[in-house]
Amino acid sequence: MKYQGKGKVLRIYLNKYTHQEKDYLYEVIVKKAHAMGLAGAMVFHGTEGFGFCCPGCKTLNLGVAASVCQPLIAEFIDKEENINAFLPVVKQLMKKGGIVVFDADIDFDNF
């Protein structure tokens, strides 16, 4: 189904190695988003960063970790009501990190 219209993007900044029980937290959050029927998700592994989980994070060549903190962004897109329903789930799971929500003009083919 195609959707064009207003929506929201939920962007989460966190440490790749943060766990929720035995799983990586970002994997848990993506699975919950899928289970709740959100339209889309994407995870981006960062090269370098600071401020959301540690004083400084960096990845060396070929993915070799230079610190125990590896920056990561998980992004979710959907209609406003679905992002608003998902946001409390994310807030409950995250102990450290950053959450940003912003408006988006959506043009999605498999909505």
N, C-alpha and C. Protein backbone atom coordinates (compact mmCIF):
# COMPACT_ATOMS: atom_id res chain seq x y z
N MET A 1 0.84 -1.18 0.00
CA MET A 1 0.00 0.00 0.00
C MET A 1 0.89 1.24 0.00
N LYS A 2 0.53 2.22 -0.77
CA LYS A 2 1.29 3.46 -0.86
C LYS A 2 0.70 4.49 0.09
N TYR A 3 1.60 5.27 0.73
CA TYR A 3 1.15 6.35 1.61
C TYR A 3 1.96 7.59 1.32
N GLN A 4 1.28 8.69 1.12
CA GLN A 4 1.91 9.98 1.00
C GLN A 4 1.19 10.92 1.95
N GLY A 5 1.95 11.57 2.81
CA GLY A 5 1.33 12.50 3.74
C GLY A 5 2.24 12.83 4.88
N LYS A 6 1.67 13.45 5.88
CA LYS A 6 2.43 13.87 7.06
C LYS A 6 2.67 12.68 7.98
N GLY A 7 3.79 12.72 8.67
CA GLY A 7 4.12 11.68 9.62
C GLY A 7 5.20 12.15 10.57
N LYS A 8 5.82 11.21 11.25
CA LYS A 8 6.87 11.51 12.22
C LYS A 8 8.04 10.57 12.01
N VAL A 9 9.22 11.05 12.38
CA VAL A 9 10.42 10.22 12.46
C VAL A 9 10.85 10.20 13.92
N LEU A 10 11.09 9.02 14.44
CA LEU A 10 11.62 8.84 15.79
C LEU A 10 13.06 8.38 15.62
N ARG A 11 13.99 9.17 16.15
CA ARG A 11 15.41 8.84 16.04
C ARG A 11 15.96 8.61 17.45
N ILE A 12 16.64 7.48 17.61
CA ILE A 12 17.20 7.10 18.91
C ILE A 12 18.71 7.01 18.79
N TYR A 13 19.41 7.66 19.70
CA TYR A 13 20.87 7.61 19.77
C TYR A 13 21.24 6.74 20.96
N LEU A 14 22.03 5.70 20.73
CA LEU A 14 22.42 4.83 21.82
C LEU A 14 23.73 4.12 21.54
N ASN A 15 24.19 3.39 22.52
CA ASN A 15 25.41 2.59 22.43
C ASN A 15 25.04 1.23 21.85
N LYS A 16 25.76 0.82 20.83
CA LYS A 16 25.50 -0.48 20.19
C LYS A 16 25.50 -1.62 21.21
N TYR A 17 26.37 -1.54 22.20
CA TYR A 17 26.57 -2.65 23.12
C TYR A 17 25.65 -2.63 24.34
N THR A 18 24.71 -1.70 24.40
CA THR A 18 23.75 -1.69 25.50
C THR A 18 22.83 -2.90 25.35
N HIS A 19 22.65 -3.63 26.44
CA HIS A 19 21.84 -4.85 26.40
C HIS A 19 20.52 -4.68 27.14
N GLN A 20 19.55 -5.44 26.70
CA GLN A 20 18.27 -5.63 27.39
C GLN A 20 18.19 -7.13 27.63
N GLU A 21 18.51 -7.53 28.84
CA GLU A 21 18.68 -8.94 29.17
C GLU A 21 19.78 -9.52 28.29
N LYS A 22 19.51 -10.53 27.46
CA LYS A 22 20.58 -11.15 26.66
C LYS A 22 20.72 -10.57 25.26
N ASP A 23 19.83 -9.69 24.85
CA ASP A 23 19.83 -9.13 23.50
C ASP A 23 20.33 -7.69 23.50
N TYR A 24 20.85 -7.26 22.35
CA TYR A 24 21.19 -5.85 22.20
C TYR A 24 19.92 -5.02 22.27
N LEU A 25 19.98 -3.89 22.96
CA LEU A 25 18.80 -3.04 23.13
C LEU A 25 18.23 -2.58 21.79
N TYR A 26 19.10 -2.22 20.86
CA TYR A 26 18.59 -1.74 19.57
C TYR A 26 17.80 -2.84 18.85
N GLU A 27 18.21 -4.10 19.00
CA GLU A 27 17.47 -5.21 18.39
C GLU A 27 16.11 -5.38 19.05
N VAL A 28 16.07 -5.25 20.37
CA VAL A 28 14.81 -5.35 21.11
C VAL A 28 13.84 -4.26 20.65
N ILE A 29 14.35 -3.04 20.52
CA ILE A 29 13.50 -1.91 20.12
C ILE A 29 12.97 -2.11 18.69
N VAL A 30 13.82 -2.56 17.78
CA VAL A 30 13.37 -2.79 16.39
C VAL A 30 12.32 -3.90 16.35
N LYS A 31 12.51 -4.96 17.12
CA LYS A 31 11.52 -6.05 17.16
C LYS A 31 10.19 -5.57 17.70
N LYS A 32 10.23 -4.71 18.73
CA LYS A 32 8.99 -4.18 19.29
C LYS A 32 8.29 -3.27 18.28
N ALA A 33 9.06 -2.48 17.54
CA ALA A 33 8.47 -1.62 16.51
C ALA A 33 7.78 -2.47 15.44
N HIS A 34 8.42 -3.54 15.04
CA HIS A 34 7.83 -4.44 14.04
C HIS A 34 6.56 -5.08 14.58
N ALA A 35 6.61 -5.53 15.83
CA ALA A 35 5.44 -6.17 16.46
C ALA A 35 4.27 -5.19 16.59
N MET A 36 4.58 -3.91 16.79
CA MET A 36 3.53 -2.90 16.91
C MET A 36 3.07 -2.39 15.55
N GLY A 37 3.66 -2.90 14.47
CA GLY A 37 3.21 -2.56 13.14
C GLY A 37 3.71 -1.24 12.58
N LEU A 38 4.82 -0.70 13.11
CA LEU A 38 5.35 0.54 12.56
C LEU A 38 5.74 0.34 11.10
N ALA A 39 5.68 1.41 10.34
CA ALA A 39 5.87 1.32 8.89
C ALA A 39 7.30 1.02 8.48
N GLY A 40 8.28 1.54 9.22
CA GLY A 40 9.66 1.31 8.81
C GLY A 40 10.66 1.58 9.91
N ALA A 41 11.79 0.89 9.83
CA ALA A 41 12.89 1.07 10.78
C ALA A 41 14.21 0.89 10.05
N MET A 42 15.23 1.58 10.53
CA MET A 42 16.58 1.46 9.97
C MET A 42 17.56 1.70 11.11
N VAL A 43 18.63 0.91 11.15
CA VAL A 43 19.67 1.06 12.16
C VAL A 43 20.95 1.47 11.45
N PHE A 44 21.59 2.52 11.96
CA PHE A 44 22.84 3.04 11.40
C PHE A 44 23.94 2.91 12.44
N HIS A 45 25.04 2.31 12.07
CA HIS A 45 26.19 2.19 12.96
C HIS A 45 27.09 3.40 12.75
N GLY A 46 27.38 4.12 13.84
CA GLY A 46 28.18 5.33 13.75
C GLY A 46 29.67 5.06 13.74
N THR A 47 30.41 6.00 13.19
CA THR A 47 31.86 5.92 13.15
C THR A 47 32.47 6.59 14.37
N GLU A 48 31.86 7.69 14.79
CA GLU A 48 32.40 8.44 15.90
C GLU A 48 31.30 9.28 16.51
N GLY A 49 31.39 9.58 17.80
CA GLY A 49 30.40 10.42 18.45
C GLY A 49 30.71 10.62 19.91
N PHE A 50 29.88 11.44 20.58
CA PHE A 50 30.00 11.64 22.02
C PHE A 50 28.70 12.22 22.54
N GLY A 51 28.52 12.14 23.85
CA GLY A 51 27.43 12.86 24.48
C GLY A 51 26.20 12.07 24.86
N PHE A 52 25.91 10.96 24.23
CA PHE A 52 24.68 10.24 24.54
C PHE A 52 24.90 9.05 25.46
N CYS A 53 26.10 8.51 25.49
CA CYS A 53 26.32 7.34 26.34
C CYS A 53 27.70 7.31 26.97
N CYS A 54 28.63 8.12 26.47
CA CYS A 54 29.99 8.11 27.00
C CYS A 54 30.70 9.39 26.57
N PRO A 55 31.89 9.67 27.15
CA PRO A 55 32.61 10.88 26.79
C PRO A 55 33.06 10.93 25.32
N GLY A 56 33.35 9.77 24.74
CA GLY A 56 33.77 9.74 23.34
C GLY A 56 33.75 8.33 22.80
N CYS A 57 33.30 8.17 21.57
CA CYS A 57 33.20 6.86 20.93
C CYS A 57 33.88 6.93 19.58
N LYS A 58 34.54 5.85 19.20
CA LYS A 58 35.18 5.82 17.90
C LYS A 58 35.32 4.39 17.43
N THR A 59 35.14 4.17 16.13
CA THR A 59 35.36 2.88 15.50
C THR A 59 36.55 3.01 14.56
N LEU A 60 37.48 2.08 14.64
CA LEU A 60 38.63 2.08 13.75
C LEU A 60 38.28 1.38 12.44
N ASN A 61 39.23 1.27 11.54
CA ASN A 61 39.01 0.59 10.27
C ASN A 61 38.51 -0.83 10.46
N LEU A 62 37.73 -1.31 9.51
CA LEU A 62 37.21 -2.68 9.49
C LEU A 62 36.35 -3.02 10.70
N GLY A 63 35.75 -2.01 11.32
CA GLY A 63 34.84 -2.26 12.42
C GLY A 63 35.49 -2.62 13.74
N VAL A 64 36.80 -2.44 13.87
CA VAL A 64 37.48 -2.75 15.12
C VAL A 64 37.15 -1.66 16.12
N ALA A 65 36.70 -2.04 17.28
CA ALA A 65 36.28 -1.07 18.28
C ALA A 65 37.48 -0.38 18.92
N ALA A 66 37.42 0.95 19.00
CA ALA A 66 38.45 1.72 19.68
C ALA A 66 38.02 2.03 21.11
N SER A 67 36.76 1.83 21.42
CA SER A 67 36.25 2.02 22.77
C SER A 67 35.11 1.03 22.99
N VAL A 68 34.69 0.88 24.23
CA VAL A 68 33.60 -0.05 24.52
C VAL A 68 32.24 0.55 24.16
N CYS A 69 32.23 1.80 23.81
CA CYS A 69 30.99 2.47 23.40
C CYS A 69 31.02 2.69 21.90
N GLN A 70 30.08 2.10 21.20
CA GLN A 70 29.98 2.28 19.75
C GLN A 70 28.67 2.99 19.43
N PRO A 71 28.75 4.19 18.82
CA PRO A 71 27.54 4.96 18.55
C PRO A 71 26.64 4.28 17.53
N LEU A 72 25.34 4.43 17.75
CA LEU A 72 24.36 3.80 16.88
C LEU A 72 23.12 4.68 16.84
N ILE A 73 22.48 4.74 15.69
CA ILE A 73 21.20 5.44 15.55
C ILE A 73 20.17 4.45 15.03
N ALA A 74 19.03 4.40 15.68
CA ALA A 74 17.89 3.62 15.20
C ALA A 74 16.80 4.62 14.84
N GLU A 75 16.25 4.48 13.64
CA GLU A 75 15.28 5.44 13.16
C GLU A 75 14.00 4.72 12.75
N PHE A 76 12.87 5.32 13.09
CA PHE A 76 11.56 4.73 12.82
C PHE A 76 10.68 5.79 12.16
N ILE A 77 9.88 5.36 11.20
CA ILE A 77 9.01 6.29 10.47
C ILE A 77 7.59 5.73 10.44
N ASP A 78 6.63 6.61 10.66
CA ASP A 78 5.23 6.20 10.59
C ASP A 78 4.35 7.44 10.74
N LYS A 79 3.05 7.20 10.75
CA LYS A 79 2.09 8.26 11.04
C LYS A 79 2.27 8.70 12.49
N GLU A 80 1.88 9.92 12.78
CA GLU A 80 2.08 10.50 14.11
C GLU A 80 1.49 9.65 15.22
N GLU A 81 0.28 9.15 15.04
CA GLU A 81 -0.37 8.39 16.12
C GLU A 81 0.39 7.10 16.44
N ASN A 82 0.99 6.48 15.44
CA ASN A 82 1.74 5.24 15.68
C ASN A 82 3.08 5.51 16.36
N ILE A 83 3.76 6.59 15.97
CA ILE A 83 5.00 6.97 16.66
C ILE A 83 4.69 7.35 18.10
N ASN A 84 3.61 8.09 18.32
CA ASN A 84 3.23 8.49 19.68
C ASN A 84 2.90 7.28 20.55
N ALA A 85 2.33 6.24 19.98
CA ALA A 85 2.03 5.02 20.74
C ALA A 85 3.30 4.23 21.05
N PHE A 86 4.29 4.30 20.17
CA PHE A 86 5.54 3.56 20.34
C PHE A 86 6.51 4.27 21.29
N LEU A 87 6.45 5.57 21.37
CA LEU A 87 7.39 6.35 22.17
C LEU A 87 7.47 5.94 23.64
N PRO A 88 6.36 5.69 24.34
CA PRO A 88 6.46 5.25 25.74
C PRO A 88 7.19 3.91 25.89
N VAL A 89 7.06 3.03 24.92
CA VAL A 89 7.76 1.74 24.95
C VAL A 89 9.26 1.98 24.90
N VAL A 90 9.69 2.87 24.00
CA VAL A 90 11.11 3.20 23.87
C VAL A 90 11.64 3.83 25.15
N LYS A 91 10.89 4.79 25.69
CA LYS A 91 11.33 5.48 26.91
C LYS A 91 11.47 4.52 28.08
N GLN A 92 10.61 3.54 28.15
CA GLN A 92 10.68 2.55 29.23
C GLN A 92 11.93 1.68 29.09
N LEU A 93 12.33 1.36 27.89
CA LEU A 93 13.48 0.48 27.65
C LEU A 93 14.82 1.19 27.80
N MET A 94 14.87 2.47 27.44
CA MET A 94 16.16 3.17 27.41
C MET A 94 16.52 3.77 28.77
N LYS A 95 17.73 3.47 29.22
CA LYS A 95 18.25 4.06 30.45
C LYS A 95 19.21 5.19 30.14
N LYS A 96 19.94 5.07 29.01
CA LYS A 96 20.88 6.08 28.54
C LYS A 96 20.64 6.28 27.05
N GLY A 97 20.95 7.46 26.58
CA GLY A 97 20.82 7.72 25.16
C GLY A 97 19.97 8.95 24.91
N GLY A 98 19.66 9.18 23.67
CA GLY A 98 18.87 10.34 23.29
C GLY A 98 17.73 9.94 22.38
N ILE A 99 16.63 10.69 22.48
CA ILE A 99 15.45 10.44 21.66
C ILE A 99 15.04 11.76 21.01
N VAL A 100 14.85 11.73 19.71
CA VAL A 100 14.41 12.91 18.96
C VAL A 100 13.23 12.51 18.09
N VAL A 101 12.19 13.33 18.10
CA VAL A 101 11.03 13.10 17.23
C VAL A 101 10.84 14.36 16.39
N PHE A 102 10.66 14.17 15.07
CA PHE A 102 10.44 15.33 14.22
C PHE A 102 9.44 15.00 13.11
N ASP A 103 8.87 16.06 12.57
CA ASP A 103 7.88 15.93 11.49
C ASP A 103 8.54 15.45 10.21
N ALA A 104 7.77 14.73 9.40
CA ALA A 104 8.28 14.24 8.13
C ALA A 104 7.17 14.25 7.09
N ASP A 105 7.55 14.50 5.86
CA ASP A 105 6.66 14.30 4.72
C ASP A 105 6.97 12.91 4.19
N ILE A 106 6.02 12.00 4.29
CA ILE A 106 6.25 10.59 3.98
C ILE A 106 5.79 10.28 2.55
N ASP A 107 6.62 9.55 1.85
CA ASP A 107 6.28 9.00 0.54
C ASP A 107 6.79 7.56 0.57
N PHE A 108 5.91 6.65 0.96
CA PHE A 108 6.29 5.29 1.30
C PHE A 108 5.49 4.33 0.45
N ASP A 109 6.14 3.40 -0.23
CA ASP A 109 5.44 2.47 -1.11
C ASP A 109 4.83 1.28 -0.40
N ASN A 110 5.46 0.77 0.64
CA ASN A 110 4.95 -0.43 1.33
C ASN A 110 4.44 -0.09 2.71
N PHE A 111 3.65 0.95 2.83
CA PHE A 111 3.19 1.44 4.13
C PHE A 111 2.18 0.50 4.73
